Amino acid sequence: MPSLVRSSDLKPENKTLVVVTTILQLSAVVVVWLLAIVPAALLALAAIIGKTIAGALRGSRNRSTTP
């Protein structure tokens, strides 16, 4: 027959350990999100810059061919 554990038999949680563990977990979540978001943001920024440069080159080429 399994023995039941009463709440009075359990030791109270160490509050410092709970706070440190929570901070570590939240930090891990933030790092994972940043690792996922930063490359996508850099690719989007590169695409915008590429389109801007291509448009500027196209515009200057058109201006230079007109008399």
N, C-alpha and C. Protein backbone atom coordinates (compact mmCIF):
# COMPACT_ATOMS: atom_id res chain seq x y z
N MET A 1 0.83 -1.18 0.00
CA MET A 1 0.00 0.00 0.00
C MET A 1 0.89 1.25 0.00
N PRO A 2 0.66 2.19 -0.93
CA PRO A 2 1.52 3.37 -0.99
C PRO A 2 1.29 4.30 0.19
N SER A 3 2.39 4.88 0.63
CA SER A 3 2.25 5.81 1.75
C SER A 3 1.93 7.21 1.22
N LEU A 4 1.11 7.92 1.92
CA LEU A 4 0.73 9.26 1.52
C LEU A 4 1.67 10.26 2.18
N VAL A 5 2.06 11.28 1.40
CA VAL A 5 2.92 12.31 1.94
C VAL A 5 2.05 13.50 2.31
N ARG A 6 2.11 13.87 3.55
CA ARG A 6 1.34 15.01 4.01
C ARG A 6 2.14 16.29 3.79
N SER A 7 1.46 17.40 3.55
CA SER A 7 2.14 18.67 3.31
C SER A 7 2.95 19.09 4.52
N SER A 8 2.57 18.66 5.70
CA SER A 8 3.34 19.01 6.89
C SER A 8 4.67 18.26 6.94
N ASP A 9 4.80 17.17 6.18
CA ASP A 9 6.04 16.40 6.15
C ASP A 9 7.06 16.99 5.18
N LEU A 10 6.62 17.84 4.26
CA LEU A 10 7.52 18.40 3.25
C LEU A 10 8.27 19.60 3.80
N LYS A 11 9.51 19.74 3.35
CA LYS A 11 10.28 20.92 3.75
C LYS A 11 9.83 22.11 2.89
N PRO A 12 9.83 23.31 3.45
CA PRO A 12 9.45 24.47 2.65
C PRO A 12 10.49 24.73 1.56
N GLU A 13 10.04 25.32 0.44
CA GLU A 13 10.96 25.60 -0.67
C GLU A 13 11.90 26.72 -0.28
N ASN A 14 13.11 26.62 -0.79
CA ASN A 14 14.10 27.67 -0.60
C ASN A 14 13.75 28.80 -1.57
N LYS A 15 13.36 29.97 -1.03
CA LYS A 15 12.88 31.06 -1.89
C LYS A 15 13.98 31.58 -2.80
N THR A 16 15.20 31.61 -2.32
CA THR A 16 16.30 32.07 -3.17
C THR A 16 16.49 31.14 -4.35
N LEU A 17 16.40 29.85 -4.11
CA LEU A 17 16.55 28.88 -5.19
C LEU A 17 15.41 29.02 -6.21
N VAL A 18 14.22 29.29 -5.74
CA VAL A 18 13.07 29.48 -6.64
C VAL A 18 13.30 30.71 -7.52
N VAL A 19 13.76 31.80 -6.93
CA VAL A 19 14.01 33.03 -7.69
C VAL A 19 15.11 32.82 -8.72
N VAL A 20 16.20 32.19 -8.32
CA VAL A 20 17.32 31.95 -9.24
C VAL A 20 16.89 31.05 -10.38
N THR A 21 16.15 29.99 -10.07
CA THR A 21 15.68 29.07 -11.11
C THR A 21 14.75 29.77 -12.09
N THR A 22 13.86 30.62 -11.56
CA THR A 22 12.93 31.35 -12.41
C THR A 22 13.69 32.31 -13.34
N ILE A 23 14.67 33.01 -12.80
CA ILE A 23 15.46 33.94 -13.62
C ILE A 23 16.21 33.18 -14.71
N LEU A 24 16.76 32.04 -14.38
CA LEU A 24 17.48 31.24 -15.39
C LEU A 24 16.52 30.74 -16.48
N GLN A 25 15.33 30.32 -16.09
CA GLN A 25 14.36 29.85 -17.08
C GLN A 25 13.92 30.98 -18.01
N LEU A 26 13.62 32.14 -17.45
CA LEU A 26 13.22 33.27 -18.27
C LEU A 26 14.35 33.73 -19.18
N SER A 27 15.58 33.69 -18.68
CA SER A 27 16.74 34.05 -19.51
C SER A 27 16.89 33.08 -20.68
N ALA A 28 16.67 31.81 -20.42
CA ALA A 28 16.76 30.82 -21.50
C ALA A 28 15.70 31.07 -22.56
N VAL A 29 14.49 31.43 -22.15
CA VAL A 29 13.42 31.73 -23.10
C VAL A 29 13.79 32.94 -23.95
N VAL A 30 14.32 33.98 -23.31
CA VAL A 30 14.72 35.19 -24.04
C VAL A 30 15.82 34.89 -25.04
N VAL A 31 16.81 34.11 -24.64
CA VAL A 31 17.91 33.76 -25.55
C VAL A 31 17.41 32.98 -26.74
N VAL A 32 16.52 32.03 -26.52
CA VAL A 32 15.98 31.23 -27.63
C VAL A 32 15.19 32.12 -28.59
N TRP A 33 14.38 33.02 -28.06
CA TRP A 33 13.63 33.94 -28.92
C TRP A 33 14.56 34.83 -29.73
N LEU A 34 15.60 35.34 -29.09
CA LEU A 34 16.55 36.20 -29.80
C LEU A 34 17.27 35.42 -30.90
N LEU A 35 17.64 34.19 -30.61
CA LEU A 35 18.30 33.37 -31.62
C LEU A 35 17.38 33.09 -32.80
N ALA A 36 16.09 33.07 -32.57
CA ALA A 36 15.14 32.84 -33.65
C ALA A 36 14.81 34.12 -34.41
N ILE A 37 14.71 35.25 -33.69
CA ILE A 37 14.25 36.49 -34.31
C ILE A 37 15.37 37.27 -35.01
N VAL A 38 16.55 37.32 -34.43
CA VAL A 38 17.64 38.15 -34.98
C VAL A 38 18.00 37.76 -36.41
N PRO A 39 18.22 36.48 -36.73
CA PRO A 39 18.55 36.15 -38.13
C PRO A 39 17.43 36.54 -39.11
N ALA A 40 16.19 36.34 -38.71
CA ALA A 40 15.07 36.72 -39.59
C ALA A 40 15.04 38.23 -39.79
N ALA A 41 15.29 38.98 -38.74
CA ALA A 41 15.30 40.44 -38.85
C ALA A 41 16.46 40.90 -39.73
N LEU A 42 17.61 40.27 -39.61
CA LEU A 42 18.75 40.64 -40.45
C LEU A 42 18.49 40.33 -41.92
N LEU A 43 17.84 39.20 -42.19
CA LEU A 43 17.50 38.87 -43.57
C LEU A 43 16.50 39.87 -44.15
N ALA A 44 15.51 40.27 -43.35
CA ALA A 44 14.53 41.25 -43.81
C ALA A 44 15.21 42.60 -44.06
N LEU A 45 16.11 42.99 -43.19
CA LEU A 45 16.83 44.25 -43.36
C LEU A 45 17.71 44.20 -44.61
N ALA A 46 18.37 43.07 -44.84
CA ALA A 46 19.19 42.93 -46.04
C ALA A 46 18.33 43.01 -47.31
N ALA A 47 17.14 42.43 -47.28
CA ALA A 47 16.25 42.48 -48.44
C ALA A 47 15.80 43.91 -48.71
N ILE A 48 15.48 44.64 -47.66
CA ILE A 48 15.05 46.04 -47.84
C ILE A 48 16.20 46.88 -48.40
N ILE A 49 17.39 46.71 -47.84
CA ILE A 49 18.55 47.47 -48.32
C ILE A 49 18.87 47.09 -49.77
N GLY A 50 18.77 45.81 -50.08
CA GLY A 50 19.02 45.36 -51.46
C GLY A 50 18.05 45.97 -52.44
N LYS A 51 16.78 46.01 -52.10
CA LYS A 51 15.77 46.62 -52.98
C LYS A 51 16.03 48.12 -53.14
N THR A 52 16.41 48.77 -52.06
CA THR A 52 16.68 50.21 -52.12
C THR A 52 17.87 50.50 -53.02
N ILE A 53 18.93 49.72 -52.86
CA ILE A 53 20.13 49.92 -53.70
C ILE A 53 19.81 49.62 -55.15
N ALA A 54 19.08 48.53 -55.40
CA ALA A 54 18.72 48.18 -56.78
C ALA A 54 17.86 49.27 -57.40
N GLY A 55 16.92 49.82 -56.66
CA GLY A 55 16.08 50.90 -57.17
C GLY A 55 16.89 52.15 -57.45
N ALA A 56 17.86 52.46 -56.58
CA ALA A 56 18.69 53.65 -56.78
C ALA A 56 19.58 53.47 -58.01
N LEU A 57 20.13 52.28 -58.20
CA LEU A 57 20.98 52.03 -59.37
C LEU A 57 20.16 52.09 -60.65
N ARG A 58 18.95 51.52 -60.60
CA ARG A 58 18.08 51.56 -61.77
C ARG A 58 17.71 52.99 -62.12
N GLY A 59 17.41 53.79 -61.11
CA GLY A 59 17.04 55.17 -61.32
C GLY A 59 18.19 55.99 -61.88
N SER A 60 19.40 55.78 -61.39
CA SER A 60 20.54 56.54 -61.90
C SER A 60 20.92 56.11 -63.31
N ARG A 61 20.71 54.84 -63.63
CA ARG A 61 21.01 54.36 -64.98
C ARG A 61 20.05 54.98 -65.99
N ASN A 62 18.78 55.12 -65.60
CA ASN A 62 17.79 55.71 -66.49
C ASN A 62 18.07 57.20 -66.72
N ARG A 63 18.55 57.89 -65.71
CA ARG A 63 18.85 59.31 -65.84
C ARG A 63 20.09 59.55 -66.73
N SER A 64 21.05 58.64 -66.67
CA SER A 64 22.28 58.85 -67.42
C SER A 64 22.11 58.57 -68.92
N THR A 65 21.08 57.83 -69.32
CA THR A 65 20.89 57.52 -70.74
C THR A 65 20.07 58.58 -71.47
N THR A 66 19.40 59.46 -70.73
CA THR A 66 18.61 60.49 -71.39
C THR A 66 19.50 61.68 -71.74
N PRO A 67 19.31 62.28 -72.92
CA PRO A 67 20.18 63.41 -73.32
C PRO A 67 19.88 64.68 -72.58
